[in-house]
Protein backbone atom coordinates (compact mmCIF):
# COMPACT_ATOMS: atom_id res chain seq x y z
CA UNK A 1 0.03 0.01 -0.21
CA UNK A 2 1.63 3.39 -0.84
CA UNK A 3 1.71 6.17 1.49
CA UNK A 4 -0.36 8.42 -0.04
CA UNK A 5 -3.28 5.60 -0.11
CA UNK A 6 -2.55 4.91 3.20
CA UNK A 7 -3.07 9.09 4.31
CA UNK A 8 -6.28 8.48 2.24
CA UNK A 9 -7.49 5.80 4.13
CA UNK A 10 -6.75 7.28 7.55
CA UNK A 11 -8.22 10.30 6.45
CA UNK A 12 -11.67 8.88 5.47
CA UNK A 13 -11.68 6.67 8.62
CA UNK A 14 -11.09 10.15 10.63
CA UNK A 15 -13.86 11.64 8.85
CA UNK A 16 -16.15 8.56 9.47
CA UNK A 17 -15.44 8.77 13.18
CA UNK A 18 -15.93 12.75 13.09
CA UNK A 19 -19.30 12.27 11.49
CA UNK A 20 -20.20 9.40 14.20
CA UNK A 21 -19.07 11.95 16.95
CA UNK A 22 -21.23 14.60 15.53
CA UNK A 23 -24.41 12.74 15.31
CA UNK A 24 -23.95 11.30 18.54
CA UNK A 25 -23.70 14.69 19.74
CA UNK A 26 -26.43 15.72 17.96
CA UNK A 27 -28.82 13.08 19.84
CA UNK A 28 -27.39 13.56 23.37
CA UNK A 29 -28.43 17.47 22.53
CA UNK A 30 -31.90 15.85 21.26
CA UNK A 31 -31.99 13.83 24.59
CA UNK A 32 -31.14 16.85 26.77
CA UNK A 33 -34.11 18.55 25.26
CA UNK A 34 -36.55 15.70 25.90
CA UNK A 35 -35.29 15.74 29.41
CA UNK A 36 -35.52 19.02 30.07
CA UNK A 37 -39.12 18.69 29.20
CA UNK A 38 -40.11 15.65 30.71
CA UNK A 39 -38.27 17.06 34.28
CA UNK A 40 -40.73 20.37 33.71
CA UNK A 41 -43.72 17.85 33.01
CA UNK A 42 -43.28 15.63 36.08
CA UNK A 43 -42.77 18.96 38.41
CA UNK A 44 -45.90 19.77 37.30
CA UNK A 45 -47.40 16.26 37.62
CA UNK A 46 -46.16 16.25 41.34
CA UNK A 47 -47.62 19.46 42.13
CA UNK A 48 -50.84 18.47 40.97
CA UNK A 49 -50.69 14.94 42.94
CA UNK A 50 -49.80 16.92 45.98
CA UNK A 51 -52.89 19.21 45.64
CA UNK A 52 -55.19 16.36 45.00
CA UNK A 53 -53.81 14.28 48.05
CA UNK A 54 -54.64 17.37 50.22
CA UNK A 55 -58.15 17.45 48.60
CA UNK A 56 -58.39 13.43 49.58
CA UNK A 57 -57.40 13.91 52.88
CA UNK A 58 -60.59 16.46 53.40
CA UNK A 59 -62.66 14.14 51.73
CA UNK A 60 -61.40 11.21 53.65
CA UNK A 61 -62.41 13.09 56.89
CA UNK A 62 -65.87 13.82 55.67
CA UNK A 63 -66.43 10.26 54.98
CA UNK A 64 -65.35 9.43 58.46
CA UNK A 65 -67.80 11.93 59.75
CA UNK A 66 -70.72 10.36 57.45
CA UNK A 67 -69.74 6.92 58.64
CA UNK A 68 -70.04 7.49 62.08
CA UNK A 69 -73.26 9.60 61.78
CA UNK A 70 -74.54 6.67 60.01
CA UNK A 71 -73.69 4.16 62.41
CA UNK A 72 -74.77 6.53 65.79
CA UNK A 73 -77.90 8.07 64.68
CA UNK A 74 -79.64 4.53 64.40
CA UNK A 75 -78.27 3.64 68.04
CA UNK A 76 -79.50 7.05 68.76
CA UNK A 77 -82.98 6.75 67.26
CA UNK A 78 -83.30 3.53 69.02
CA UNK A 79 -82.30 4.82 72.59
CA UNK A 80 -84.35 7.91 72.15
CA UNK A 81 -87.44 5.41 71.18
CA UNK A 82 -86.88 3.16 74.25
CA UNK A 83 -86.78 6.15 76.73
CA UNK A 84 -90.06 7.49 74.57
CA UNK A 85 -92.04 3.96 75.11
CA UNK A 86 -90.10 3.61 78.78
CA UNK A 87 -92.09 7.08 79.60
CA UNK A 88 -95.19 6.36 77.86
CA UNK A 89 -95.60 3.10 79.82
CA UNK A 90 -94.69 4.33 83.18
CA UNK A 91 -95.99 7.87 82.82
CA UNK A 92 -99.11 7.49 81.20
């Protein structure tokens, strides 16, 4: 192989390597942009999730109160009815 063709081969390989590095750099830049956008979207999602969790704690507290009333109200009605029946039986 002559020295000139050897240099041409090295130059073509070097050009191919440089082109490959350029393509890789462009892909990395694209990935960086995508990562930046996804990070912003994740931050928005985290904020919305935190707000919804706060609202759910209020809903859970309301549900607990409603469950208490649905359990306590029949007992209260039963006690009032029994006392009323006893009153009418003994005092009328």
